[in-house]
Amino acid sequence: MTDYLEPRKQIDDAKLEEKLCPSRLSNFVGQDRVKKSLAVMIKAAKLRGEALDHVLLWGAEGVGKSTLAHIIANEMGVDIRVTSGHSIKRPGDLIGILTGLSS
């Protein structure tokens, strides 16, 4: 009768967060072709000691574009700056974003 008052087993927050928002390609579910291509590109860039070439992620909402972008940054060991196409209305908007990046 009072089961709902019993303390629940606490899920490790780090494990839960990794399931909801993976930080490695190996933990990302789905998009197998994309993951294989990205893994090759990331490995090649690391072996060359260079930045990853341009990557364009395109698709419908909810397919994991933003998550993949964060994974790429994490796998490369670099920071990420996020914006959306909706926030760029004029060329000056993009210039402001680019000049705000640190080298």
Protein backbone atom coordinates (compact mmCIF):
# COMPACT_ATOMS: atom_id res chain seq x y z
CA MET A 1 0.00 0.00 0.00
CA THR A 2 2.85 2.43 0.68
CA ASP A 3 5.19 1.15 -2.05
CA TYR A 4 5.36 4.58 -3.62
CA LEU A 5 6.88 5.94 -0.41
CA GLU A 6 9.72 3.42 -0.42
CA PRO A 7 13.06 4.85 -1.50
CA ARG A 8 13.93 3.91 -5.05
CA LYS A 9 17.26 2.56 -6.08
CA GLN A 10 19.26 5.53 -7.36
CA ILE A 11 20.58 5.25 -10.89
CA ASP A 12 24.13 6.46 -11.33
CA ASP A 13 23.71 9.89 -12.95
CA ALA A 14 26.79 9.47 -15.14
CA LYS A 15 25.49 6.17 -16.56
CA LEU A 16 22.07 7.64 -17.19
CA GLU A 17 23.51 10.73 -18.85
CA GLU A 18 25.73 8.59 -21.10
CA LYS A 19 22.67 6.60 -22.21
CA LEU A 20 20.68 9.75 -22.91
CA CYS A 21 23.49 11.76 -24.47
CA PRO A 22 26.47 9.59 -25.44
CA SER A 23 29.92 11.18 -25.63
CA ARG A 24 31.60 8.48 -27.76
CA LEU A 25 30.73 7.03 -31.17
CA SER A 26 30.77 3.55 -29.68
CA ASN A 27 27.90 4.51 -27.36
CA PHE A 28 25.76 6.20 -30.04
CA VAL A 29 22.83 4.00 -31.09
CA GLY A 30 21.86 3.85 -34.76
CA GLN A 31 23.25 5.60 -37.84
CA ASP A 32 25.79 2.80 -38.39
CA ARG A 33 26.98 4.03 -41.81
CA VAL A 34 27.48 7.54 -40.49
CA LYS A 35 29.31 6.27 -37.40
CA LYS A 36 31.70 4.17 -39.51
CA SER A 37 32.50 7.11 -41.79
CA LEU A 38 33.02 9.46 -38.86
CA ALA A 39 35.23 6.94 -37.07
CA VAL A 40 37.51 6.69 -40.12
CA MET A 41 37.62 10.48 -40.55
CA ILE A 42 38.37 11.09 -36.87
CA LYS A 43 41.09 8.44 -36.76
CA ALA A 44 42.74 9.78 -39.92
CA ALA A 45 42.70 13.36 -38.62
CA LYS A 46 44.21 12.27 -35.31
CA LEU A 47 46.94 10.25 -37.06
CA ARG A 48 47.81 13.27 -39.21
CA GLY A 49 47.73 15.52 -36.14
CA GLU A 50 45.31 17.81 -37.94
CA ALA A 51 41.83 19.18 -37.43
CA LEU A 52 38.95 17.16 -38.82
CA ASP A 53 37.88 18.27 -42.30
CA HIS A 54 34.50 19.92 -42.66
CA VAL A 55 31.53 17.80 -41.68
CA LEU A 56 27.97 18.61 -42.68
CA LEU A 57 25.28 16.84 -40.68
CA TRP A 58 21.90 17.00 -42.37
CA GLY A 59 18.61 15.37 -41.55
CA ALA A 60 15.26 15.61 -39.88
CA GLU A 61 14.78 16.64 -36.28
CA GLY A 62 15.62 13.98 -33.73
CA VAL A 63 18.04 11.87 -35.76
CA GLY A 64 21.06 12.82 -33.64
CA LYS A 65 22.84 15.61 -35.54
CA SER A 66 23.58 17.69 -32.45
CA THR A 67 24.61 14.64 -30.45
CA LEU A 68 26.96 13.56 -33.25
CA ALA A 69 28.46 17.06 -33.38
CA HIS A 70 29.19 16.90 -29.65
CA ILE A 71 30.62 13.39 -30.04
CA ILE A 72 32.93 14.55 -32.85
CA ALA A 73 34.24 17.38 -30.67
CA ASN A 74 34.70 15.02 -27.74
CA GLU A 75 36.48 12.38 -29.83
CA MET A 76 38.80 15.06 -31.26
CA GLY A 77 39.41 16.52 -27.80
CA VAL A 78 38.26 20.03 -28.74
CA ASP A 79 35.60 22.48 -27.61
CA ILE A 80 32.40 23.01 -29.54
CA ARG A 81 30.40 26.17 -30.15
CA VAL A 82 26.76 25.52 -31.05
CA THR A 83 24.40 27.74 -33.01
CA SER A 84 21.43 27.13 -35.26
CA GLY A 85 20.62 28.13 -38.79
CA HIS A 86 17.58 30.00 -37.51
CA SER A 87 19.81 32.40 -35.59
CA ILE A 88 21.74 33.40 -38.73
CA LYS A 89 19.59 35.78 -40.74
CA ARG A 90 22.25 38.07 -42.28
CA PRO A 91 25.94 37.64 -43.20
CA GLY A 92 26.84 39.85 -40.24
CA ASP A 93 25.31 37.31 -37.85
CA LEU A 94 27.75 34.64 -39.03
CA ILE A 95 30.69 37.05 -38.85
CA GLY A 96 29.82 37.78 -35.22
CA ILE A 97 29.81 34.07 -34.39
CA LEU A 98 33.10 33.41 -36.18
CA THR A 99 34.93 36.35 -34.61
CA GLY A 100 33.80 35.18 -31.20
CA LEU A 101 35.69 31.92 -31.61
CA SER A 102 39.07 31.63 -29.94
CA SER A 103 41.99 30.22 -31.86
